[in-house]
Amino acid sequence: MARAGKVEGKVKRVRKSRVHIRLLREKCTGCGKCVRICPSGSWSMKGEDIEWKGMNLCFECGACFHVCPSNAILWRYPEGGEGVVYRF
């Protein structure tokens, strides 16, 4: 079986001109699924409330959006030239 080679490169965050991830508090039930699934730690629990830490940590994978049972996360694809970029 062939083994995957090591991929070397840089992850670069490109400045964002608009916020494309937002928590809709009026819909949030505080279930914590977004906190548990987020690979970057961009979500946290404060008591019984969910807190979005912002775009600085976010990988923009969309996992939080897809796992939210109450559709409380507004997630739009980043516009071209924005967001997380991986360079080889």
PDB file of N, CA and C in Angstrom:
ATOM      1  N   MET A   1       0.842  -1.178   0.000  1.00  0.00           N
ATOM      2  CA  MET A   1       0.000   0.000   0.000  1.00  0.00           C
ATOM      3  C   MET A   1       0.889   1.243   0.000  1.00  0.00           C
ATOM      4  N   ALA A   2       0.583   2.194  -0.854  1.00  0.00           N
ATOM      5  CA  ALA A   2       1.364   3.423  -0.965  1.00  0.00           C
ATOM      6  C   ALA A   2       1.068   4.346   0.205  1.00  0.00           C
ATOM      7  N   ARG A   3       2.095   5.014   0.661  1.00  0.00           N
ATOM      8  CA  ARG A   3       1.939   5.972   1.759  1.00  0.00           C
ATOM      9  C   ARG A   3       1.916   7.380   1.197  1.00  0.00           C
ATOM     10  N   ALA A   4       1.131   8.194   1.816  1.00  0.00           N
ATOM     11  CA  ALA A   4       1.071   9.595   1.385  1.00  0.00           C
ATOM     12  C   ALA A   4       2.357  10.300   1.785  1.00  0.00           C
ATOM     13  N   GLY A   5       2.850  11.128   0.902  1.00  0.00           N
ATOM     14  CA  GLY A   5       4.046  11.899   1.206  1.00  0.00           C
ATOM     15  C   GLY A   5       3.713  13.081   2.093  1.00  0.00           C
ATOM     16  N   LYS A   6       4.719  13.635   2.700  1.00  0.00           N
ATOM     17  CA  LYS A   6       4.523  14.798   3.562  1.00  0.00           C
ATOM     18  C   LYS A   6       4.251  16.025   2.702  1.00  0.00           C
ATOM     19  N   VAL A   7       3.214  16.739   3.041  1.00  0.00           N
ATOM     20  CA  VAL A   7       2.868  17.960   2.329  1.00  0.00           C
ATOM     21  C   VAL A   7       3.406  19.134   3.134  1.00  0.00           C
ATOM     22  N   GLU A   8       4.194  19.936   2.497  1.00  0.00           N
ATOM     23  CA  GLU A   8       4.751  21.105   3.176  1.00  0.00           C
ATOM     24  C   GLU A   8       4.200  22.359   2.533  1.00  0.00           C
ATOM     25  N   GLY A   9       3.868  23.306   3.328  1.00  0.00           N
ATOM     26  CA  GLY A   9       3.338  24.564   2.822  1.00  0.00           C
ATOM     27  C   GLY A   9       3.012  25.497   3.968  1.00  0.00           C
ATOM     28  N   LYS A  10       2.334  26.565   3.656  1.00  0.00           N
ATOM     29  CA  LYS A  10       1.983  27.562   4.649  1.00  0.00           C
ATOM     30  C   LYS A  10       0.487  27.822   4.612  1.00  0.00           C
ATOM     31  N   VAL A  11      -0.086  27.990   5.790  1.00  0.00           N
ATOM     32  CA  VAL A  11      -1.474  28.428   5.884  1.00  0.00           C
ATOM     33  C   VAL A  11      -1.437  29.921   6.120  1.00  0.00           C
ATOM     34  N   LYS A  12      -2.167  30.641   5.317  1.00  0.00           N
ATOM     35  CA  LYS A  12      -2.164  32.098   5.402  1.00  0.00           C
ATOM     36  C   LYS A  12      -3.597  32.582   5.532  1.00  0.00           C
ATOM     37  N   ARG A  13      -3.827  33.499   6.409  1.00  0.00           N
ATOM     38  CA  ARG A  13      -5.147  34.099   6.540  1.00  0.00           C
ATOM     39  C   ARG A  13      -5.144  35.396   5.748  1.00  0.00           C
ATOM     40  N   VAL A  14      -6.121  35.521   4.865  1.00  0.00           N
ATOM     41  CA  VAL A  14      -6.247  36.707   4.042  1.00  0.00           C
ATOM     42  C   VAL A  14      -7.312  37.589   4.676  1.00  0.00           C
ATOM     43  N   ARG A  15      -7.082  38.864   4.710  1.00  0.00           N
ATOM     44  CA  ARG A  15      -8.014  39.813   5.332  1.00  0.00           C
ATOM     45  C   ARG A  15      -9.419  39.651   4.760  1.00  0.00           C
ATOM     46  N   LYS A  16     -10.396  39.715   5.630  1.00  0.00           N
ATOM     47  CA  LYS A  16     -11.783  39.554   5.234  1.00  0.00           C
ATOM     48  C   LYS A  16     -12.477  40.913   5.213  1.00  0.00           C
ATOM     49  N   SER A  17     -13.268  41.150   4.203  1.00  0.00           N
ATOM     50  CA  SER A  17     -13.955  42.434   4.110  1.00  0.00           C
ATOM     51  C   SER A  17     -15.366  42.363   4.693  1.00  0.00           C
ATOM     52  N   ARG A  18     -15.841  41.155   4.961  1.00  0.00           N
ATOM     53  CA  ARG A  18     -17.169  41.035   5.575  1.00  0.00           C
ATOM     54  C   ARG A  18     -17.190  39.841   6.507  1.00  0.00           C
ATOM     55  N   VAL A  19     -18.055  39.911   7.500  1.00  0.00           N
ATOM     56  CA  VAL A  19     -18.230  38.796   8.425  1.00  0.00           C
ATOM     57  C   VAL A  19     -19.177  37.814   7.762  1.00  0.00           C
ATOM     58  N   HIS A  20     -18.729  36.586   7.594  1.00  0.00           N
ATOM     59  CA  HIS A  20     -19.611  35.629   6.938  1.00  0.00           C
ATOM     60  C   HIS A  20     -20.024  34.483   7.854  1.00  0.00           C
ATOM     61  N   ILE A  21     -19.693  34.580   9.145  1.00  0.00           N
ATOM     62  CA  ILE A  21     -20.174  33.618  10.132  1.00  0.00           C
ATOM     63  C   ILE A  21     -20.720  34.423  11.298  1.00  0.00           C
ATOM     64  N   ARG A  22     -21.960  34.122  11.674  1.00  0.00           N
ATOM     65  CA  ARG A  22     -22.600  34.886  12.746  1.00  0.00           C
ATOM     66  C   ARG A  22     -23.541  33.980  13.518  1.00  0.00           C
ATOM     67  N   LEU A  23     -23.621  34.157  14.824  1.00  0.00           N
ATOM     68  CA  LEU A  23     -24.542  33.412  15.662  1.00  0.00           C
ATOM     69  C   LEU A  23     -25.845  34.193  15.783  1.00  0.00           C
ATOM     70  N   LEU A  24     -26.944  33.551  15.448  1.00  0.00           N
ATOM     71  CA  LEU A  24     -28.267  34.166  15.598  1.00  0.00           C
ATOM     72  C   LEU A  24     -28.793  33.768  16.980  1.00  0.00           C
ATOM     73  N   ARG A  25     -28.532  34.613  17.969  1.00  0.00           N
ATOM     74  CA  ARG A  25     -28.838  34.292  19.369  1.00  0.00           C
ATOM     75  C   ARG A  25     -30.304  33.948  19.613  1.00  0.00           C
ATOM     76  N   GLU A  26     -31.190  34.570  18.864  1.00  0.00           N
ATOM     77  CA  GLU A  26     -32.616  34.309  19.071  1.00  0.00           C
ATOM     78  C   GLU A  26     -33.007  32.886  18.685  1.00  0.00           C
ATOM     79  N   LYS A  27     -32.188  32.220  17.881  1.00  0.00           N
ATOM     80  CA  LYS A  27     -32.457  30.838  17.478  1.00  0.00           C
ATOM     81  C   LYS A  27     -31.646  29.820  18.270  1.00  0.00           C
ATOM     82  N   CYS A  28     -30.565  30.255  18.896  1.00  0.00           N
ATOM     83  CA  CYS A  28     -29.647  29.342  19.581  1.00  0.00           C
ATOM     84  C   CYS A  28     -30.304  28.733  20.822  1.00  0.00           C
ATOM     85  N   THR A  29     -30.205  27.406  20.937  1.00  0.00           N
ATOM     86  CA  THR A  29     -30.751  26.696  22.095  1.00  0.00           C
ATOM     87  C   THR A  29     -29.677  26.371  23.128  1.00  0.00           C
ATOM     88  N   GLY A  30     -28.413  26.644  22.820  1.00  0.00           N
ATOM     89  CA  GLY A  30     -27.317  26.372  23.746  1.00  0.00           C
ATOM     90  C   GLY A  30     -26.950  24.901  23.846  1.00  0.00           C
ATOM     91  N   CYS A  31     -27.204  24.134  22.793  1.00  0.00           N
ATOM     92  CA  CYS A  31     -26.940  22.686  22.824  1.00  0.00           C
ATOM     93  C   CYS A  31     -25.449  22.363  22.864  1.00  0.00           C
ATOM     94  N   GLY A  32     -24.595  23.253  22.348  1.00  0.00           N
ATOM     95  CA  GLY A  32     -23.155  23.061  22.394  1.00  0.00           C
ATOM     96  C   GLY A  32     -22.562  22.206  21.290  1.00  0.00           C
ATOM     97  N   LYS A  33     -23.361  21.806  20.318  1.00  0.00           N
ATOM     98  CA  LYS A  33     -22.832  20.976  19.230  1.00  0.00           C
ATOM     99  C   LYS A  33     -21.763  21.711  18.429  1.00  0.00           C
ATOM    100  N   CYS A  34     -21.929  23.001  18.231  1.00  0.00           N
ATOM    101  CA  CYS A  34     -20.928  23.791  17.502  1.00  0.00           C
ATOM    102  C   CYS A  34     -19.602  23.822  18.259  1.00  0.00           C
ATOM    103  N   VAL A  35     -19.669  23.896  19.581  1.00  0.00           N
ATOM    104  CA  VAL A  35     -18.472  23.928  20.417  1.00  0.00           C
ATOM    105  C   VAL A  35     -17.714  22.611  20.294  1.00  0.00           C
ATOM    106  N   ARG A  36     -18.455  21.514  20.337  1.00  0.00           N
ATOM    107  CA  ARG A  36     -17.829  20.185  20.295  1.00  0.00           C
ATOM    108  C   ARG A  36     -17.244  19.845  18.928  1.00  0.00           C
ATOM    109  N   ILE A  37     -17.856  20.317  17.845  1.00  0.00           N
ATOM    110  CA  ILE A  37     -17.395  19.919  16.505  1.00  0.00           C
ATOM    111  C   ILE A  37     -16.320  20.830  15.933  1.00  0.00           C
ATOM    112  N   CYS A  38     -16.206  22.027  16.416  1.00  0.00           N
ATOM    113  CA  CYS A  38     -15.285  23.011  15.829  1.00  0.00           C
ATOM    114  C   CYS A  38     -13.823  22.588  16.011  1.00  0.00           C
ATOM    115  N   PRO A  39     -13.098  22.362  14.910  1.00  0.00           N
ATOM    116  CA  PRO A  39     -11.702  21.937  15.026  1.00  0.00           C
ATOM    117  C   PRO A  39     -10.745  23.053  15.440  1.00  0.00           C
ATOM    118  N   SER A  40     -11.184  24.309  15.347  1.00  0.00           N
ATOM    119  CA  SER A  40     -10.289  25.423  15.657  1.00  0.00           C
ATOM    120  C   SER A  40     -10.547  26.047  17.025  1.00  0.00           C
ATOM    121  N   GLY A  41     -11.610  25.655  17.701  1.00  0.00           N
ATOM    122  CA  GLY A  41     -11.931  26.240  18.996  1.00  0.00           C
ATOM    123  C   GLY A  41     -12.518  27.635  18.899  1.00  0.00           C
ATOM    124  N   SER A  42     -13.201  27.919  17.785  1.00  0.00           N
ATOM    125  CA  SER A  42     -13.787  29.246  17.575  1.00  0.00           C
ATOM    126  C   SER A  42     -15.078  29.468  18.363  1.00  0.00           C
ATOM    127  N   TRP A  43     -15.623  28.405  18.922  1.00  0.00           N
ATOM    128  CA  TRP A  43     -16.857  28.485  19.707  1.00  0.00           C
ATOM    129  C   TRP A  43     -16.553  28.051  21.136  1.00  0.00           C
ATOM    130  N   SER A  44     -17.251  28.649  22.103  1.00  0.00           N
ATOM    131  CA  SER A  44     -17.088  28.245  23.494  1.00  0.00           C
ATOM    132  C   SER A  44     -18.407  28.406  24.235  1.00  0.00           C
ATOM    133  N   MET A  45     -18.477  27.795  25.416  1.00  0.00           N
ATOM    134  CA  MET A  45     -19.654  27.918  26.272  1.00  0.00           C
ATOM    135  C   MET A  45     -19.326  28.899  27.391  1.00  0.00           C
ATOM    136  N   LYS A  46     -20.230  29.827  27.628  1.00  0.00           N
ATOM    137  CA  LYS A  46     -20.142  30.740  28.769  1.00  0.00           C
ATOM    138  C   LYS A  46     -21.398  30.498  29.584  1.00  0.00           C
ATOM    139  N   GLY A  47     -21.278  29.673  30.605  1.00  0.00           N
ATOM    140  CA  GLY A  47     -22.462  29.266  31.343  1.00  0.00           C
ATOM    141  C   GLY A  47     -23.314  28.385  30.450  1.00  0.00           C
ATOM    142  N   GLU A  48     -24.522  28.827  30.163  1.00  0.00           N
ATOM    143  CA  GLU A  48     -25.401  28.094  29.258  1.00  0.00           C
ATOM    144  C   GLU A  48     -25.477  28.734  27.880  1.00  0.00           C
ATOM    145  N   ASP A  49     -24.670  29.775  27.666  1.00  0.00           N
ATOM    146  CA  ASP A  49     -24.684  30.499  26.393  1.00  0.00           C
ATOM    147  C   ASP A  49     -23.496  30.112  25.519  1.00  0.00           C
ATOM    148  N   ILE A  50     -23.725  30.135  24.216  1.00  0.00           N
ATOM    149  CA  ILE A  50     -22.678  29.879  23.235  1.00  0.00           C
ATOM    150  C   ILE A  50     -22.016  31.209  22.888  1.00  0.00           C
ATOM    151  N   GLU A  51     -20.700  31.189  22.754  1.00  0.00           N
ATOM    152  CA  GLU A  51     -19.974  32.399  22.381  1.00  0.00           C
ATOM    153  C   GLU A  51     -19.133  32.132  21.137  1.00  0.00           C
ATOM    154  N   TRP A  52     -19.256  32.999  20.150  1.00  0.00           N
ATOM    155  CA  TRP A  52     -18.451  32.951  18.932  1.00  0.00           C
ATOM    156  C   TRP A  52     -17.248  33.839  19.165  1.00  0.00           C
ATOM    157  N   LYS A  53     -16.043  33.274  19.060  1.00  0.00           N
ATOM    158  CA  LYS A  53     -14.819  34.020  19.340  1.00  0.00           C
ATOM    159  C   LYS A  53     -14.359  34.873  18.171  1.00  0.00           C
ATOM    160  N   GLY A  54     -14.922  34.668  16.997  1.00  0.00           N
ATOM    161  CA  GLY A  54     -14.577  35.497  15.855  1.00  0.00           C
ATOM    162  C   GLY A  54     -13.774  34.766  14.797  1.00  0.00           C
ATOM    163  N   MET A  55     -13.456  35.474  13.746  1.00  0.00           N
ATOM    164  CA  MET A  55     -12.829  34.896  12.568  1.00  0.00           C
ATOM    165  C   MET A  55     -11.334  34.606  12.737  1.00  0.00           C
ATOM    166  N   ASN A  56     -10.708  35.114  13.775  1.00  0.00           N
ATOM    167  CA  ASN A  56      -9.263  34.940  13.912  1.00  0.00           C
ATOM    168  C   ASN A  56      -8.827  33.489  14.015  1.00  0.00           C
ATOM    169  N   LEU A  57      -9.611  32.649  14.659  1.00  0.00           N
ATOM    170  CA  LEU A  57      -9.267  31.238  14.820  1.00  0.00           C
ATOM    171  C   LEU A  57      -9.896  30.347  13.760  1.00  0.00           C
ATOM    172  N   CYS A  58     -10.961  30.788  13.163  1.00  0.00           N
ATOM    173  CA  CYS A  58     -11.829  29.966  12.307  1.00  0.00           C
ATOM    174  C   CYS A  58     -11.119  29.398  11.079  1.00  0.00           C
ATOM    175  N   PHE A  59     -11.332  28.088  10.820  1.00  0.00           N
ATOM    176  CA  PHE A  59     -10.813  27.425   9.615  1.00  0.00           C
ATOM    177  C   PHE A  59     -11.786  27.554   8.441  1.00  0.00           C
ATOM    178  N   GLU A  60     -12.984  28.077   8.702  1.00  0.00           N
ATOM    179  CA  GLU A  60     -14.026  28.264   7.690  1.00  0.00           C
ATOM    180  C   GLU A  60     -14.443  26.938   7.043  1.00  0.00           C
ATOM    181  N   CYS A  61     -14.513  25.897   7.854  1.00  0.00           N
ATOM    182  CA  CYS A  61     -14.864  24.573   7.337  1.00  0.00           C
ATOM    183  C   CYS A  61     -16.376  24.374   7.206  1.00  0.00           C
ATOM    184  N   GLY A  62     -17.162  25.153   7.949  1.00  0.00           N
ATOM    185  CA  GLY A  62     -18.613  25.041   7.875  1.00  0.00           C
ATOM    186  C   GLY A  62     -19.205  23.954   8.762  1.00  0.00           C
ATOM    187  N   ALA A  63     -18.380  23.266   9.547  1.00  0.00           N
ATOM    188  CA  ALA A  63     -18.879  22.183  10.393  1.00  0.00           C
ATOM    189  C   ALA A  63     -19.934  22.687  11.381  1.00  0.00           C
ATOM    190  N   CYS A  64     -19.720  23.837  11.978  1.00  0.00           N
ATOM    191  CA  CYS A  64     -20.668  24.392  12.945  1.00  0.00           C
ATOM    192  C   CYS A  64     -22.033  24.623  12.299  1.00  0.00           C
ATOM    193  N   PHE A  65     -22.013  25.158  11.109  1.00  0.00           N
ATOM    194  CA  PHE A  65     -23.247  25.431  10.373  1.00  0.00           C
ATOM    195  C   PHE A  65     -24.031  24.147  10.109  1.00  0.00           C
ATOM    196  N   HIS A  66     -23.325  23.115   9.686  1.00  0.00           N
ATOM    197  CA  HIS A  66     -23.987  21.867   9.330  1.00  0.00           C
ATOM    198  C   HIS A  66     -24.495  21.072  10.528  1.00  0.00           C
ATOM    199  N   VAL A  67     -23.874  21.226  11.690  1.00  0.00           N
ATOM    200  CA  VAL A  67     -24.263  20.454  12.864  1.00  0.00           C
ATOM    201  C   VAL A  67     -25.355  21.144  13.699  1.00  0.00           C
ATOM    202  N   CYS A  68     -25.580  22.425  13.507  1.00  0.00           N
ATOM    203  CA  CYS A  68     -26.535  23.185  14.327  1.00  0.00           C
ATOM    204  C   CYS A  68     -27.974  22.742  14.049  1.00  0.00           C
ATOM    205  N   PRO A  69     -28.650  22.172  15.059  1.00  0.00           N
ATOM    206  CA  PRO A  69     -30.011  21.683  14.849  1.00  0.00           C
ATOM    207  C   PRO A  69     -31.071  22.790  14.772  1.00  0.00           C
ATOM    208  N   SER A  70     -30.732  23.983  15.234  1.00  0.00           N
ATOM    209  CA  SER A  70     -31.722  25.067  15.253  1.00  0.00           C
ATOM    210  C   SER A  70     -31.458  26.141  14.201  1.00  0.00           C
ATOM    211  N   ASN A  71     -30.512  25.880  13.285  1.00  0.00           N
ATOM    212  CA  ASN A  71     -30.172  26.852  12.232  1.00  0.00           C
ATOM    213  C   ASN A  71     -29.835  28.221  12.811  1.00  0.00           C
ATOM    214  N   ALA A  72     -29.077  28.211  13.910  1.00  0.00           N
ATOM    215  CA  ALA A  72     -28.729  29.453  14.590  1.00  0.00           C
ATOM    216  C   ALA A  72     -27.416  30.054  14.098  1.00  0.00           C
ATOM    217  N   ILE A  73     -26.772  29.382  13.147  1.00  0.00           N
ATOM    218  CA  ILE A  73     -25.497  29.893  12.641  1.00  0.00           C
ATOM    219  C   ILE A  73     -25.675  30.325  11.193  1.00  0.00           C
ATOM    220  N   LEU A  74     -25.419  31.594  10.966  1.00  0.00           N
ATOM    221  CA  LEU A  74     -25.438  32.136   9.615  1.00  0.00           C
ATOM    222  C   LEU A  74     -24.030  31.966   9.076  1.00  0.00           C
ATOM    223  N   TRP A  75     -23.889  31.172   8.032  1.00  0.00           N
ATOM    224  CA  TRP A  75     -22.571  30.874   7.458  1.00  0.00           C
ATOM    225  C   TRP A  75     -22.657  31.039   5.960  1.00  0.00           C
ATOM    226  N   ARG A  76     -21.881  31.959   5.443  1.00  0.00           N
ATOM    227  CA  ARG A  76     -21.821  32.183   3.997  1.00  0.00           C
ATOM    228  C   ARG A  76     -20.416  31.849   3.524  1.00  0.00           C
ATOM    229  N   TYR A  77     -20.312  31.367   2.312  1.00  0.00           N
ATOM    230  CA  TYR A  77     -18.994  31.111   1.757  1.00  0.00           C
ATOM    231  C   TYR A  77     -18.231  32.423   1.667  1.00  0.00           C
ATOM    232  N   PRO A  78     -16.913  32.393   1.954  1.00  0.00           N
ATOM    233  CA  PRO A  78     -16.122  33.613   1.799  1.00  0.00           C
ATOM    234  C   PRO A  78     -16.090  34.028   0.330  1.00  0.00           C
ATOM    235  N   GLU A  79     -15.971  35.311   0.112  1.00  0.00           N
ATOM    236  CA  GLU A  79     -15.855  35.804  -1.257  1.00  0.00           C
ATOM    237  C   GLU A  79     -14.470  35.465  -1.786  1.00  0.00           C
ATOM    238  N   GLY A  80     -14.316  35.448  -3.080  1.00  0.00           N
ATOM    239  CA  GLY A  80     -13.028  35.137  -3.684  1.00  0.00           C
ATOM    240  C   GLY A  80     -11.914  36.020  -3.164  1.00  0.00           C
ATOM    241  N   GLY A  81     -10.771  35.417  -2.883  1.00  0.00           N
ATOM    242  CA  GLY A  81      -9.630  36.178  -2.397  1.00  0.00           C
ATOM    243  C   GLY A  81      -9.652  36.450  -0.915  1.00  0.00           C
ATOM    244  N   GLU A  82     -10.610  35.893  -0.174  1.00  0.00           N
ATOM    245  CA  GLU A  82     -10.706  36.105   1.260  1.00  0.00           C
ATOM    246  C   GLU A  82     -10.642  34.775   1.984  1.00  0.00           C
ATOM    247  N   GLY A  83     -10.369  34.821   3.272  1.00  0.00           N
ATOM    248  CA  GLY A  83     -10.443  33.629   4.094  1.00  0.00           C
ATOM    249  C   GLY A  83      -9.119  32.894   4.229  1.00  0.00           C
ATOM    250  N   VAL A  84      -9.215  31.637   4.618  1.00  0.00           N
ATOM    251  CA  VAL A  84      -8.031  30.822   4.823  1.00  0.00           C
ATOM    252  C   VAL A  84      -7.527  30.323   3.482  1.00  0.00           C
ATOM    253  N   VAL A  85      -6.237  30.475   3.251  1.00  0.00           N
ATOM    254  CA  VAL A  85      -5.626  30.049   1.999  1.00  0.00           C
ATOM    255  C   VAL A  85      -4.435  29.163   2.336  1.00  0.00           C
ATOM    256  N   TYR A  86      -4.307  28.028   1.658  1.00  0.00           N
ATOM    257  CA  TYR A  86      -3.156  27.151   1.849  1.00  0.00           C
ATOM    258  C   TYR A  86      -2.264  27.250   0.640  1.00  0.00           C
ATOM    259  N   ARG A  87      -1.006  27.510   0.869  1.00  0.00           N
ATOM    260  CA  ARG A  87      -0.036  27.636  -0.219  1.00  0.00           C
ATOM    261  C   ARG A  87       0.954  26.478  -0.150  1.00  0.00           C
ATOM    262  N   PHE A  88       1.217  25.822  -1.285  1.00  0.00           N
ATOM    263  CA  PHE A  88       2.209  24.741  -1.353  1.00  0.00           C
ATOM    264  C   PHE A  88       3.580  25.331  -1.557  1.00  0.00           C
TER     265      PHE A  88
END
